[in-house]
N, C-alpha and C. Protein backbone atom coordinates (compact mmCIF):
# COMPACT_ATOMS: atom_id res chain seq x y z
N MET A 1 -29.80 16.65 -7.66
CA MET A 1 -28.79 16.09 -6.38
C MET A 1 -28.22 17.24 -5.85
N THR A 2 -28.13 18.04 -4.78
CA THR A 2 -27.43 19.14 -4.08
C THR A 2 -26.42 19.38 -4.08
N ASP A 3 -25.20 19.77 -4.39
CA ASP A 3 -23.28 19.88 -3.97
C ASP A 3 -23.31 19.11 -3.04
N SER A 4 -23.49 19.79 -2.07
CA SER A 4 -23.09 18.83 -0.66
C SER A 4 -24.57 17.35 -0.37
N ASN A 5 -24.74 16.90 -0.93
CA ASN A 5 -25.20 15.43 -1.11
C ASN A 5 -24.45 14.73 -2.20
N GLN A 6 -23.55 14.56 -3.43
CA GLN A 6 -22.60 14.59 -3.91
C GLN A 6 -21.87 14.14 -3.74
N PHE A 7 -21.14 14.95 -2.75
CA PHE A 7 -19.99 15.16 -1.51
C PHE A 7 -19.96 14.18 -0.67
N ALA A 8 -21.08 13.88 0.03
CA ALA A 8 -21.53 13.05 1.06
C ALA A 8 -21.54 12.25 0.31
N GLN A 9 -21.33 11.84 -1.22
CA GLN A 9 -21.79 10.55 -1.57
C GLN A 9 -20.29 9.53 -2.19
N GLN A 10 -19.76 10.70 -2.48
CA GLN A 10 -18.51 11.00 -2.81
C GLN A 10 -16.89 10.20 -2.05
N LYS A 11 -17.31 10.80 -1.15
CA LYS A 11 -17.01 10.43 0.13
C LYS A 11 -17.03 9.99 1.03
N GLU A 12 -18.50 8.94 1.12
CA GLU A 12 -18.96 7.35 1.66
C GLU A 12 -18.16 6.33 0.82
N LEU A 13 -17.87 6.83 -0.60
CA LEU A 13 -17.70 5.77 -2.07
C LEU A 13 -16.41 6.05 -1.63
N LEU A 14 -15.20 6.71 -1.85
CA LEU A 14 -14.04 7.03 -1.39
C LEU A 14 -13.89 6.33 0.17
N GLU A 15 -14.29 5.96 1.73
CA GLU A 15 -14.10 5.46 1.98
C GLU A 15 -13.82 4.64 1.74
N GLN A 16 -15.21 3.68 1.43
CA GLN A 16 -15.40 1.93 1.41
C GLN A 16 -14.15 1.59 0.68
N LEU A 17 -14.33 2.69 -0.80
CA LEU A 17 -13.02 1.77 -1.66
C LEU A 17 -11.61 1.46 -0.55
N VAL A 18 -10.63 2.41 -0.24
CA VAL A 18 -10.10 2.82 0.87
C VAL A 18 -10.19 1.22 1.53
N ASP A 19 -11.19 1.50 1.97
CA ASP A 19 -11.15 0.15 3.51
C ASP A 19 -11.48 -1.06 2.60
N ASP A 20 -11.63 -1.09 2.00
CA ASP A 20 -12.15 -1.93 0.48
C ASP A 20 -9.98 -2.14 0.45
N PHE A 21 -9.60 -1.90 0.36
CA PHE A 21 -8.05 -1.60 -0.94
C PHE A 21 -7.05 -2.32 0.15
N ALA A 22 -7.70 -1.59 1.67
CA ALA A 22 -6.66 -1.43 2.63
C ALA A 22 -6.61 -3.46 3.25
N ALA A 23 -7.69 -3.62 3.52
CA ALA A 23 -8.46 -5.33 3.59
C ALA A 23 -7.36 -5.79 2.58
N ARG A 24 -7.58 -5.66 1.78
CA ARG A 24 -6.87 -6.32 0.21
C ARG A 24 -5.28 -6.42 0.93
N MET A 25 -4.69 -4.96 0.47
CA MET A 25 -2.89 -5.50 1.55
C MET A 25 -2.88 -5.62 2.65
N LYS A 26 -3.75 -5.52 3.59
CA LYS A 26 -3.04 -6.35 5.24
C LYS A 26 -3.17 -7.95 4.48
N ALA A 27 -4.01 -8.62 3.89
CA ALA A 27 -4.47 -9.83 3.67
C ALA A 27 -3.32 -10.10 3.58
N LYS A 28 -2.60 -9.58 1.99
CA LYS A 28 -1.51 -9.52 0.88
C LYS A 28 -0.59 -10.47 2.04
N LEU A 29 0.01 -8.50 2.77
CA LEU A 29 1.07 -8.58 3.71
C LEU A 29 0.82 -9.92 4.61
N THR A 30 0.05 -9.27 4.93
CA THR A 30 -0.43 -11.60 6.03
C THR A 30 0.17 -12.69 5.67
N LEU A 31 -0.40 -12.89 4.04
CA LEU A 31 0.07 -14.08 3.64
C LEU A 31 1.71 -13.41 3.40
N LYS A 32 1.84 -13.02 2.49
CA LYS A 32 3.68 -13.25 2.95
C LYS A 32 4.32 -13.42 3.47
N SER A 33 3.98 -12.91 4.73
CA SER A 33 4.59 -12.73 5.97
C SER A 33 4.62 -14.37 6.14
N MET A 34 3.41 -15.03 6.49
CA MET A 34 3.52 -15.99 6.83
C MET A 34 4.41 -17.48 5.41
N GLN A 35 4.09 -16.40 4.78
CA GLN A 35 5.46 -17.10 2.95
C GLN A 35 6.77 -17.55 3.24
N GLY A 36 7.51 -16.49 4.98
CA GLY A 36 8.60 -16.10 5.03
C GLY A 36 9.56 -14.67 4.28
N TRP A 37 8.35 -14.32 3.05
CA TRP A 37 8.31 -13.22 2.99
C TRP A 37 8.71 -11.94 3.87
N ASN A 38 9.47 -11.32 4.91
CA ASN A 38 9.99 -10.65 6.07
C ASN A 38 11.58 -9.52 6.04
N GLY A 39 11.47 -9.09 7.08
CA GLY A 39 12.41 -8.14 6.38
C GLY A 39 12.52 -7.16 5.90
N TRP A 40 12.00 -6.78 5.78
CA TRP A 40 11.50 -4.97 4.82
C TRP A 40 12.02 -4.12 5.12
N GLN A 41 11.99 -3.91 7.12
CA GLN A 41 12.50 -2.86 7.71
C GLN A 41 13.96 -2.82 7.66
N THR A 42 14.09 -4.28 6.87
CA THR A 42 15.98 -4.01 6.74
C THR A 42 17.33 -4.07 5.90
N CYS A 43 16.02 -4.71 4.48
CA CYS A 43 16.84 -4.83 3.36
C CYS A 43 17.20 -3.08 2.76
N PRO A 44 18.10 -3.87 2.11
CA PRO A 44 18.17 -2.37 0.81
C PRO A 44 16.76 -1.51 0.60
N ILE A 45 17.04 -0.83 0.51
CA ILE A 45 16.03 -0.05 0.12
C ILE A 45 15.41 0.57 -1.43
N ASN A 46 16.89 0.00 -2.05
CA ASN A 46 16.70 -0.35 -3.71
C ASN A 46 16.24 -1.75 -3.67
N ASP A 47 16.27 -2.86 -3.19
CA ASP A 47 15.30 -4.24 -3.09
C ASP A 47 13.33 -3.85 -3.07
N LEU A 48 13.36 -2.90 -2.64
CA LEU A 48 11.59 -2.65 -2.73
C LEU A 48 11.27 -1.60 -3.62
N GLU A 49 12.24 -1.17 -4.45
CA GLU A 49 11.87 0.24 -4.82
C GLU A 49 12.32 -1.20 -6.43
N ASN A 50 12.87 -1.89 -6.69
CA ASN A 50 13.61 -3.07 -7.61
C ASN A 50 11.47 -3.60 -7.68
N GLY A 51 11.41 -4.33 -6.70
CA GLY A 51 10.07 -4.69 -6.46
C GLY A 51 9.09 -3.62 -6.21
N LEU A 52 8.54 -2.96 -6.23
CA LEU A 52 7.80 -1.58 -6.55
C LEU A 52 7.63 -1.74 -8.76
N LYS A 53 8.60 -1.61 -8.97
CA LYS A 53 8.76 -1.75 -10.28
C LYS A 53 8.45 -3.36 -11.22
N ASN A 54 8.70 -3.67 -10.31
CA ASN A 54 8.52 -5.46 -10.99
C ASN A 54 6.85 -5.03 -11.49
N HIS A 55 6.21 -5.47 -9.74
CA HIS A 55 5.08 -4.88 -9.79
C HIS A 55 3.68 -3.85 -10.34
N ILE A 56 4.48 -2.80 -10.94
CA ILE A 56 3.67 -2.08 -11.40
C ILE A 56 3.57 -2.44 -12.77
N GLU A 57 4.57 -3.13 -13.22
CA GLU A 57 4.93 -3.93 -14.47
C GLU A 57 3.79 -4.99 -14.27
N LYS A 58 3.89 -5.61 -13.29
CA LYS A 58 2.92 -6.74 -13.48
C LYS A 58 0.91 -6.61 -13.44
N GLY A 59 1.00 -5.23 -12.65
CA GLY A 59 0.23 -4.09 -12.58
C GLY A 59 -1.36 -4.96 -11.03
N ASP A 60 0.23 -5.93 -10.92
CA ASP A 60 -0.58 -5.50 -9.54
C ASP A 60 -0.87 -5.08 -8.24
N MET A 61 -1.52 -4.37 -8.70
CA MET A 61 -2.09 -2.59 -7.73
C MET A 61 -2.12 -2.71 -6.13
N VAL A 62 -2.34 -3.89 -5.75
CA VAL A 62 -2.43 -3.86 -4.26
C VAL A 62 -0.73 -4.43 -4.13
N ASP A 63 -0.10 -5.01 -4.69
CA ASP A 63 1.54 -5.62 -4.16
C ASP A 63 2.43 -3.82 -4.57
N VAL A 64 1.33 -3.40 -5.34
CA VAL A 64 2.71 -1.70 -5.47
C VAL A 64 1.87 -1.23 -4.32
N ALA A 65 1.00 -1.32 -3.89
CA ALA A 65 0.31 0.14 -2.68
C ALA A 65 1.49 -0.30 -1.33
N ASN A 66 1.38 -2.45 -1.13
CA ASN A 66 2.04 -2.46 -0.23
C ASN A 66 3.50 -2.17 -0.67
N TYR A 67 4.44 -2.60 -1.29
CA TYR A 67 5.60 -1.90 -1.82
C TYR A 67 6.02 -0.46 -1.38
N ALA A 68 4.67 0.78 -2.10
CA ALA A 68 5.12 1.64 -1.62
C ALA A 68 4.64 2.00 0.33
N LEU A 69 3.86 1.39 0.31
CA LEU A 69 3.43 1.62 2.32
C LEU A 69 5.17 1.36 2.52
N MET A 70 5.95 0.32 1.99
CA MET A 70 7.00 -0.10 3.13
C MET A 70 8.08 0.64 2.43
N ILE A 71 8.04 1.30 1.68
CA ILE A 71 9.24 2.19 0.90
C ILE A 71 8.82 3.74 1.93
N ASP A 72 6.97 4.31 1.60
CA ASP A 72 7.05 5.42 2.49
C ASP A 72 7.32 4.86 4.34
N ALA A 73 7.44 4.03 4.90
CA ALA A 73 7.45 3.53 5.68
C ALA A 73 9.64 3.82 6.35
N ARG A 74 9.52 3.75 5.88
CA ARG A 74 11.30 3.70 6.07
C ARG A 74 11.61 5.02 5.38
N ASN A 75 11.66 5.99 4.54
CA ASN A 75 12.08 6.81 4.30
C ASN A 75 10.76 7.71 5.89
N ILE A 76 10.39 7.59 6.04
CA ILE A 76 9.23 8.56 7.04
C ILE A 76 10.74 8.11 8.69
N GLU A 77 10.84 7.15 8.62
CA GLU A 77 11.72 6.21 10.14
C GLU A 77 12.92 6.99 9.57
N LYS A 78 14.30 7.07 8.49
CA LYS A 78 14.82 8.35 7.38
C LYS A 78 15.45 9.33 8.19
N LYS A 79 13.82 9.54 8.03
CA LYS A 79 13.38 11.59 8.64
C LYS A 79 13.60 11.52 9.91
N SER A 80 13.23 10.74 9.93
CA SER A 80 12.47 11.22 11.72
C SER A 80 14.06 10.73 12.35
N GLN A 81 15.04 10.19 11.66
CA GLN A 81 17.03 9.92 12.70
C GLN A 81 17.65 11.67 12.76
């Protein structure tokens, strides 16, 4: 197998993994929002950071990614102001 074939296969695999993971993130965010877990845009950033740490300890990587997403979005918003 050539390097370009390996690269193409690896790229395809990674893209599928990201797509699948993003779908799981979206589903979890939607579920939690429907359950009343809202307000991440205005809560203290420490609440999000603590949630991230707690979910790292639990090993729930979808929640870890969702908390990282919310923290990152808040940081981007802060930088643009």
